[in-house]
Amino acid sequence: MALELNTQQQAAQAGFRRFMDEHVAPFADEFDRREETPAALVAELARCGQLGGLVPPQYGGAGMDAITWGLLCEEVGRASGSLLSLFTVHGMVAQAVQKWGTAQQREQWLPRLASGASIGAFGLTEPGAGSDASHGSSTAVQDGDDWVLNGEKCWISFAQIATLFLIVAQVEGKLTAFLVERDTPGLQIEPLSGMSGFRSAMLGRILLKDCRIPAANLVGRVGFGFSHVAGTALDHGRYSIAWGCVGLSQAALDASLAYAGQRKTFGVPLVEHQLIQGMLADMITEVRAARLLCLHASALKEARDPALIMETSIAKYFASRTANLVAGHAVQIHGAQGCTDRSPVQRYLRDAKIMDIIEGSNQIQQILISRHGYRGFVAQQNARNKTAQG
């Protein structure tokens, strides 16, 4: 696996960093306090091609390779965890439509998602069904040439501004995915506020009451909603979040290195104290390890290797744990200063906690990773025994 970026990827990374340093990072704390992401920023992200980064060029997107997309998510995560969730959910809808949508759906929606004319959001989580999505209570019933949806979705990132929702609902006990436009009668959005992290992610609750949509808005087939359509979306979500966690961790590390070099205690800079050096060493090592896991997942994604799914789960699991460790150390190094809104490290810590939960909680990742590891071990043992006997 090549660990060095090529010339085009390096140039893209530098451009992403410049954009985030100019348009996002200096204002992220203010966005956090106001609990909103300005519409002008979203429009600029779309105009410069970042929002439609994964949409193929034939539909007006940038057609980024997996590594370039990962680098973009790292820089977004470094600037704002809340903004990262826009790239995540918008990309989840685009990826699901691209892979499972009909030709008509791709022609209709991918150009709009690429240009930012439509903003996508993913409606899976419900008040009584988070990680256990199979027990969601939202329903869809076919009525002639239409589907009628009823139910509730919550904690939906950027629901407040999204114009196209990918909704997963039960059809006679089978999870099924649908595209629902914002102006559909019977669909109502309620803003959610007061979150501990991701405060400017403009979360909302989606209420569906006799929400009637055309039969053509079915994505894939009945029963494909979770195993196929949502599976594609969640794989993309974990990949984007993993890279974003690397960016958040890097931001916390950079802030800590700068502060430790300037702040003096007992007559010397903090960076001269061995306990601080120990924390910084752990932070540096963890960030580099998380980045390598993401690069490994990127290489598999480019190669279309089926191992990508599990390696992405591992990358997301490790990177989100790293984000919490590094952000926690950052607040500790900053002391009281790190607990005030005058320092971004308190925001990093709040946002890092959310990373543990979204796109499959870390406890779900532990189950998946351990089961996969055990199956691999058993298969390896059986192969060795067969060789020894043969």
Protein backbone atom coordinates (compact mmCIF):
# COMPACT_ATOMS: atom_id res chain seq x y z
CA MET A 1 0.00 0.00 0.00
CA ALA A 2 1.38 3.39 -1.03
CA LEU A 3 1.43 5.81 1.88
CA GLU A 4 2.48 8.90 -0.06
CA LEU A 5 0.02 11.20 -1.79
CA ASN A 6 0.44 11.83 -5.49
CA THR A 7 0.90 15.34 -6.89
CA GLN A 8 -2.80 15.88 -7.59
CA GLN A 9 -3.81 14.73 -4.11
CA GLN A 10 -1.23 16.98 -2.48
CA ALA A 11 -2.50 19.96 -4.47
CA ALA A 12 -6.11 19.15 -3.58
CA GLN A 13 -5.22 18.81 0.09
CA ALA A 14 -3.50 22.20 0.09
CA GLY A 15 -6.54 23.77 -1.56
CA PHE A 16 -8.93 22.24 0.95
CA ARG A 17 -6.75 23.48 3.81
CA ARG A 18 -6.66 27.02 2.44
CA PHE A 19 -10.41 27.09 2.02
CA MET A 20 -11.11 25.83 5.52
CA ASP A 21 -8.54 28.16 7.08
CA GLU A 22 -10.16 31.12 5.32
CA HIS A 23 -13.87 30.36 5.39
CA VAL A 24 -14.52 27.98 8.29
CA ALA A 25 -11.94 27.56 11.07
CA PRO A 26 -11.88 31.24 12.21
CA PHE A 27 -15.67 31.28 12.49
CA ALA A 28 -16.45 27.75 13.72
CA ASP A 29 -16.80 28.76 17.38
CA GLU A 30 -19.23 31.53 16.41
CA PHE A 31 -21.23 29.11 14.25
CA ASP A 32 -21.28 26.79 17.27
CA ARG A 33 -22.63 29.51 19.56
CA ARG A 34 -25.31 30.51 17.03
CA GLU A 35 -26.15 26.86 16.34
CA GLU A 36 -26.22 27.40 12.59
CA THR A 37 -24.17 27.04 9.44
CA PRO A 38 -24.60 30.07 7.18
CA ALA A 39 -26.37 29.45 3.88
CA ALA A 40 -23.66 31.48 2.15
CA LEU A 41 -21.01 29.01 3.31
CA VAL A 42 -23.01 26.03 2.07
CA ALA A 43 -23.43 27.78 -1.28
CA GLU A 44 -19.69 28.45 -1.50
CA LEU A 45 -18.89 24.81 -0.70
CA ALA A 46 -21.15 23.79 -3.56
CA ARG A 47 -19.77 26.43 -5.94
CA CYS A 48 -16.17 25.28 -5.50
CA GLY A 49 -17.13 21.64 -6.10
CA GLN A 50 -16.52 20.28 -2.63
CA LEU A 51 -20.10 19.38 -1.75
CA GLY A 52 -20.45 17.21 -4.85
CA GLY A 53 -16.97 15.78 -4.55
CA LEU A 54 -18.02 12.13 -4.98
CA VAL A 55 -20.63 12.68 -7.70
CA PRO A 56 -19.30 11.50 -11.11
CA PRO A 57 -18.35 14.22 -13.62
CA GLN A 58 -21.10 13.07 -16.01
CA TYR A 59 -23.58 14.41 -13.45
CA GLY A 60 -21.66 17.61 -12.75
CA GLY A 61 -19.63 16.41 -9.77
CA ALA A 62 -15.91 16.48 -9.11
CA GLY A 63 -15.54 12.69 -9.24
CA MET A 64 -12.91 12.66 -6.49
CA ASP A 65 -10.96 9.49 -5.80
CA ALA A 66 -11.36 7.92 -2.36
CA ILE A 67 -8.15 9.38 -0.94
CA THR A 68 -8.93 12.91 -2.15
CA TRP A 69 -12.39 12.70 -0.57
CA GLY A 70 -10.80 11.48 2.64
CA LEU A 71 -8.35 14.40 2.63
CA LEU A 72 -11.28 16.78 2.15
CA CYS A 73 -13.09 15.24 5.12
CA GLU A 74 -9.94 15.51 7.23
CA GLU A 75 -9.65 19.23 6.52
CA VAL A 76 -13.36 19.79 7.13
CA GLY A 77 -13.13 17.89 10.42
CA ARG A 78 -10.10 19.94 11.40
CA ALA A 79 -12.11 23.13 10.94
CA SER A 80 -15.57 22.07 12.17
CA GLY A 81 -17.05 18.76 13.25
CA SER A 82 -20.53 20.13 12.62
CA LEU A 83 -19.71 20.99 9.01
CA LEU A 84 -18.26 17.51 8.53
CA SER A 85 -21.73 16.10 9.15
CA LEU A 86 -23.02 18.05 6.13
CA PHE A 87 -20.46 16.38 3.89
CA THR A 88 -21.35 13.06 5.49
CA VAL A 89 -25.15 13.09 5.12
CA HIS A 90 -25.20 14.89 1.78
CA GLY A 91 -22.72 12.32 0.47
CA MET A 92 -24.76 9.47 1.94
CA VAL A 93 -27.76 10.47 -0.15
CA ALA A 94 -25.64 10.96 -3.28
CA GLN A 95 -23.91 7.59 -2.86
CA ALA A 96 -27.19 5.76 -2.28
CA VAL A 97 -28.82 7.32 -5.35
CA GLN A 98 -25.74 6.67 -7.47
CA LYS A 99 -25.55 2.99 -6.55
CA TRP A 100 -29.20 2.00 -6.05
CA GLY A 101 -31.22 4.68 -7.79
CA THR A 102 -32.95 4.23 -11.12
CA ALA A 103 -31.58 5.93 -14.23
CA GLN A 104 -34.31 8.54 -13.84
CA GLN A 105 -33.41 9.16 -10.18
CA ARG A 106 -29.73 9.54 -11.05
CA GLU A 107 -30.46 11.96 -13.88
CA GLN A 108 -32.85 13.97 -11.74
CA TRP A 109 -30.99 14.16 -8.45
CA LEU A 110 -27.24 13.71 -8.88
CA PRO A 111 -26.75 16.98 -10.82
CA ARG A 112 -28.77 18.83 -8.18
CA LEU A 113 -26.81 17.24 -5.32
CA ALA A 114 -23.53 18.01 -7.09
CA SER A 115 -24.41 21.68 -7.60
CA GLY A 116 -25.94 22.20 -4.19
CA ALA A 117 -29.34 22.99 -5.74
CA SER A 118 -30.53 20.17 -3.49
CA ILE A 119 -29.12 19.41 -0.05
CA GLY A 120 -29.45 15.80 1.06
CA ALA A 121 -30.10 14.37 4.52
CA PHE A 122 -30.43 10.79 5.75
CA GLY A 123 -33.49 9.74 7.75
CA LEU A 124 -32.83 6.45 9.55
CA THR A 125 -32.68 7.11 13.31
CA GLU A 126 -35.92 7.15 15.29
CA PRO A 127 -36.72 7.98 18.93
CA GLY A 128 -37.05 4.27 19.75
CA ALA A 129 -34.60 2.85 17.23
CA GLY A 130 -31.02 4.06 17.00
CA SER A 131 -28.47 1.32 16.48
CA ASP A 132 -31.31 -1.22 16.17
CA ALA A 133 -32.67 0.29 12.97
CA SER A 134 -34.51 -2.91 12.05
CA HIS A 135 -37.11 -2.10 14.70
CA GLY A 136 -37.97 1.34 13.39
CA SER A 137 -41.67 2.15 13.52
CA SER A 138 -41.96 4.43 10.48
CA THR A 139 -44.15 2.83 7.81
CA ALA A 140 -44.83 3.09 4.10
CA VAL A 141 -47.99 1.73 2.45
CA GLN A 142 -48.54 1.55 -1.29
CA ASP A 143 -51.69 3.30 -2.46
CA GLY A 144 -52.16 3.05 -6.22
CA ASP A 145 -49.26 4.86 -7.89
CA ASP A 146 -48.13 6.43 -4.61
CA TRP A 147 -46.49 5.51 -1.33
CA VAL A 148 -47.89 6.95 1.90
CA LEU A 149 -45.36 7.41 4.72
CA ASN A 150 -46.01 7.86 8.43
CA GLY A 151 -43.56 8.07 11.31
CA GLU A 152 -40.84 10.12 12.92
CA LYS A 153 -37.09 10.49 12.44
CA CYS A 154 -34.84 12.31 14.89
CA TRP A 155 -31.33 13.69 15.30
CA ILE A 156 -31.15 14.25 11.52
CA SER A 157 -28.10 16.34 10.60
CA PHE A 158 -28.92 19.42 8.50
CA ALA A 159 -32.61 18.55 8.44
CA GLN A 160 -33.26 22.26 8.94
CA ILE A 161 -31.95 23.12 5.46
CA ALA A 162 -32.09 19.82 3.55
CA THR A 163 -34.38 19.65 0.54
CA LEU A 164 -34.09 15.92 -0.25
CA PHE A 165 -34.42 13.21 2.40
CA LEU A 166 -33.49 9.55 2.06
CA ILE A 167 -36.06 7.97 4.38
CA VAL A 168 -36.05 4.35 5.56
CA ALA A 169 -39.45 2.91 6.51
CA GLN A 170 -41.12 -0.45 7.09
CA VAL A 171 -43.13 -1.97 4.24
CA GLU A 172 -44.94 -4.96 5.73
CA GLY A 173 -41.96 -5.61 7.98
CA LYS A 174 -39.34 -5.02 5.29
CA LEU A 175 -37.10 -1.96 5.55
CA THR A 176 -37.35 0.08 2.36
CA ALA A 177 -35.80 3.38 1.23
CA PHE A 178 -37.57 6.35 -0.34
CA LEU A 179 -36.67 9.81 -1.60
CA VAL A 180 -38.86 12.50 -0.05
CA GLU A 181 -38.71 16.14 -1.09
CA ARG A 182 -38.94 18.83 1.54
CA ASP A 183 -42.08 20.46 0.14
CA THR A 184 -44.04 17.19 0.16
CA PRO A 185 -47.38 17.66 1.97
CA GLY A 186 -47.38 15.83 5.28
CA LEU A 187 -43.65 16.31 5.92
CA GLN A 188 -42.77 18.62 8.79
CA ILE A 189 -39.32 19.60 10.15
CA GLU A 190 -38.81 20.62 13.77
CA PRO A 191 -35.40 22.15 14.67
CA LEU A 192 -33.43 20.57 17.51
CA SER A 193 -31.12 22.67 19.67
CA GLY A 194 -29.14 22.44 22.89
CA MET A 195 -26.87 19.61 21.73
CA SER A 196 -23.60 19.08 23.59
CA GLY A 197 -21.69 18.73 20.32
CA PHE A 198 -22.29 19.32 16.61
CA ARG A 199 -24.19 22.42 17.64
CA SER A 200 -24.08 24.04 14.21
CA ALA A 201 -25.12 20.86 12.38
CA MET A 202 -28.68 22.22 12.25
CA LEU A 203 -30.24 18.99 13.49
CA GLY A 204 -33.93 18.39 13.21
CA ARG A 205 -36.80 16.01 13.73
CA ILE A 206 -38.74 14.79 10.70
CA LEU A 207 -42.45 14.17 11.15
CA LEU A 208 -44.22 12.18 8.44
CA LYS A 209 -48.02 12.27 8.52
CA ASP A 210 -49.79 10.71 5.54
CA CYS A 211 -46.86 11.90 3.46
CA ARG A 212 -47.66 10.90 -0.13
CA ILE A 213 -44.85 10.42 -2.64
CA PRO A 214 -44.75 8.96 -6.19
CA ALA A 215 -43.98 5.27 -6.63
CA ALA A 216 -40.94 6.39 -8.65
CA ASN A 217 -39.35 7.65 -5.40
CA LEU A 218 -38.71 4.11 -4.19
CA VAL A 219 -34.94 3.51 -4.05
CA GLY A 220 -33.89 -0.02 -4.96
CA ARG A 221 -36.55 -2.60 -4.11
CA VAL A 222 -38.83 -3.30 -1.17
CA GLY A 223 -36.70 -4.88 1.54
CA PHE A 224 -33.45 -3.30 0.28
CA GLY A 225 -33.75 -0.31 2.61
CA PHE A 226 -31.22 -1.32 5.23
CA SER A 227 -29.13 -4.16 3.83
CA HIS A 228 -28.41 -2.39 0.54
CA VAL A 229 -29.40 1.28 0.38
CA ALA A 230 -28.73 2.30 3.99
CA GLY A 231 -25.73 -0.04 4.04
CA THR A 232 -24.15 1.91 1.19
CA ALA A 233 -24.94 5.20 2.91
CA LEU A 234 -23.57 4.07 6.28
CA ASP A 235 -20.36 2.70 4.76
CA HIS A 236 -19.80 6.14 3.23
CA GLY A 237 -20.72 7.78 6.53
CA ARG A 238 -18.20 5.74 8.54
CA TYR A 239 -15.49 6.44 5.99
CA SER A 240 -16.12 10.20 6.05
CA ILE A 241 -16.37 10.32 9.85
CA ALA A 242 -13.13 8.34 10.26
CA TRP A 243 -11.22 10.88 8.18
CA GLY A 244 -12.99 13.77 9.90
CA CYS A 245 -11.91 12.41 13.29
CA VAL A 246 -8.31 12.52 12.09
CA GLY A 247 -8.81 16.19 11.22
CA LEU A 248 -10.41 17.00 14.58
CA SER A 249 -7.58 15.20 16.37
CA GLN A 250 -4.98 17.09 14.36
CA ALA A 251 -6.63 20.40 15.25
CA ALA A 252 -6.60 19.52 18.96
CA LEU A 253 -2.97 18.42 18.71
CA ASP A 254 -1.90 21.59 16.89
CA ALA A 255 -3.66 23.77 19.47
CA SER A 256 -1.96 21.85 22.29
CA LEU A 257 1.52 22.10 20.78
CA ALA A 258 1.10 25.83 20.28
CA TYR A 259 -0.22 26.40 23.81
CA ALA A 260 2.38 24.16 25.45
CA GLY A 261 5.15 26.12 23.77
CA GLN A 262 3.82 29.49 24.94
CA ARG A 263 2.37 28.85 28.40
CA LYS A 264 4.88 28.83 31.23
CA THR A 265 4.59 27.22 34.66
CA PHE A 266 7.30 26.99 37.29
CA GLY A 267 9.48 29.16 35.08
CA VAL A 268 9.50 26.95 31.98
CA PRO A 269 7.13 26.29 29.04
CA LEU A 270 4.60 23.50 29.55
CA VAL A 271 6.28 21.54 26.77
CA GLU A 272 9.31 21.08 29.05
CA HIS A 273 7.31 19.20 31.67
CA GLN A 274 7.57 15.43 31.32
CA LEU A 275 3.89 14.72 32.04
CA ILE A 276 2.89 17.14 29.29
CA GLN A 277 5.45 15.53 26.99
CA GLY A 278 3.86 12.16 27.71
CA MET A 279 0.41 13.43 26.70
CA LEU A 280 1.76 15.07 23.57
CA ALA A 281 3.62 11.90 22.60
CA ASP A 282 0.43 9.86 22.95
CA MET A 283 -1.51 12.42 20.91
CA ILE A 284 1.04 12.50 18.09
CA THR A 285 1.23 8.71 17.91
CA GLU A 286 -2.54 8.18 17.99
CA VAL A 287 -3.18 10.76 15.26
CA ARG A 288 -0.60 9.20 12.97
CA ALA A 289 -1.97 5.71 13.57
CA ALA A 290 -5.54 6.86 12.86
CA ARG A 291 -4.43 8.51 9.63
CA LEU A 292 -2.67 5.33 8.51
CA LEU A 293 -5.81 3.26 9.14
CA CYS A 294 -7.78 5.73 7.04
CA LEU A 295 -5.22 5.58 4.25
CA HIS A 296 -5.43 1.79 4.35
CA ALA A 297 -9.22 1.95 4.02
CA SER A 298 -8.80 4.45 1.17
CA ALA A 299 -6.51 2.10 -0.73
CA LEU A 300 -9.02 -0.72 -0.37
CA LYS A 301 -11.83 1.58 -1.50
CA GLU A 302 -9.90 2.54 -4.62
CA ALA A 303 -9.21 -1.13 -5.33
CA ARG A 304 -12.89 -2.05 -4.73
CA ASP A 305 -11.69 -4.65 -2.27
CA PRO A 306 -14.54 -6.21 -0.22
CA ALA A 307 -12.32 -5.95 2.86
CA LEU A 308 -13.03 -2.21 2.72
CA ILE A 309 -16.22 -2.53 4.80
CA MET A 310 -14.53 -4.04 7.85
CA GLU A 311 -11.38 -1.92 7.53
CA THR A 312 -13.55 1.19 7.40
CA SER A 313 -15.29 0.10 10.61
CA ILE A 314 -11.88 -0.39 12.23
CA ALA A 315 -10.72 3.02 11.01
CA LYS A 316 -13.87 4.74 12.28
CA TYR A 317 -13.67 2.95 15.63
CA PHE A 318 -10.01 3.80 16.20
CA ALA A 319 -10.18 7.34 14.80
CA SER A 320 -13.19 8.30 16.92
CA ARG A 321 -11.50 6.91 20.04
CA THR A 322 -8.41 8.89 19.09
CA ALA A 323 -10.46 12.06 18.71
CA ASN A 324 -11.81 11.67 22.24
CA LEU A 325 -8.39 10.92 23.73
CA VAL A 326 -6.62 13.76 21.92
CA ALA A 327 -9.37 16.31 22.55
CA GLY A 328 -9.46 15.29 26.23
CA HIS A 329 -5.71 15.75 26.54
CA ALA A 330 -6.00 19.08 24.75
CA VAL A 331 -8.46 20.40 27.33
CA GLN A 332 -6.24 19.09 30.13
CA ILE A 333 -3.16 20.81 28.70
CA HIS A 334 -5.06 24.08 28.33
CA GLY A 335 -6.39 23.83 31.88
CA ALA A 336 -9.12 26.30 32.78
CA GLN A 337 -8.53 28.11 29.49
CA GLY A 338 -9.55 24.95 27.67
CA CYS A 339 -12.89 24.88 29.47
CA THR A 340 -14.01 28.27 28.21
CA ASP A 341 -15.50 29.29 24.88
CA ARG A 342 -12.37 31.35 24.26
CA SER A 343 -10.57 28.18 23.21
CA PRO A 344 -11.75 25.82 20.46
CA VAL A 345 -10.49 22.75 22.33
CA GLN A 346 -13.69 22.60 24.38
CA ARG A 347 -15.61 22.37 21.10
CA TYR A 348 -13.28 19.64 19.86
CA LEU A 349 -14.03 17.60 22.98
CA ARG A 350 -17.80 18.06 22.67
CA ASP A 351 -17.75 17.18 18.98
CA ALA A 352 -15.45 14.19 19.54
CA LYS A 353 -18.05 12.58 21.81
CA ILE A 354 -20.61 12.74 19.01
CA MET A 355 -18.16 10.92 16.72
CA ASP A 356 -18.36 7.93 19.10
CA ILE A 357 -22.07 7.61 18.41
CA ILE A 358 -22.92 8.52 14.83
CA GLU A 359 -22.81 6.21 11.79
CA GLY A 360 -22.77 3.16 14.04
CA SER A 361 -21.80 3.59 17.68
CA ASN A 362 -18.42 2.36 18.86
CA GLN A 363 -20.14 -0.44 20.73
CA ILE A 364 -21.67 -1.65 17.46
CA GLN A 365 -18.24 -1.42 15.82
CA GLN A 366 -16.77 -3.51 18.65
CA ILE A 367 -19.33 -6.24 17.99
CA LEU A 368 -18.68 -6.23 14.25
CA ILE A 369 -14.90 -6.14 14.56
CA SER A 370 -14.70 -8.87 17.20
CA ARG A 371 -17.05 -11.19 15.28
CA HIS A 372 -15.09 -10.65 12.08
CA GLY A 373 -11.82 -11.29 13.89
CA TYR A 374 -13.13 -14.51 15.42
CA ARG A 375 -14.48 -15.80 12.11
CA GLY A 376 -11.14 -15.06 10.50
CA PHE A 377 -9.32 -16.89 13.26
CA VAL A 378 -11.54 -19.98 12.97
CA ALA A 379 -11.15 -20.04 9.19
CA GLN A 380 -7.38 -19.78 9.52
CA GLN A 381 -7.26 -22.59 12.08
CA ASN A 382 -9.42 -24.81 9.91
CA ALA A 383 -7.18 -24.17 6.92
CA ARG A 384 -4.08 -25.02 8.94
CA ASN A 385 -5.67 -28.23 10.26
CA LYS A 386 -6.69 -29.23 6.75
CA THR A 387 -3.15 -28.63 5.49
CA ALA A 388 -1.65 -30.62 8.36
CA GLN A 389 -3.99 -33.54 7.68
CA GLY A 390 -3.53 -33.48 3.99
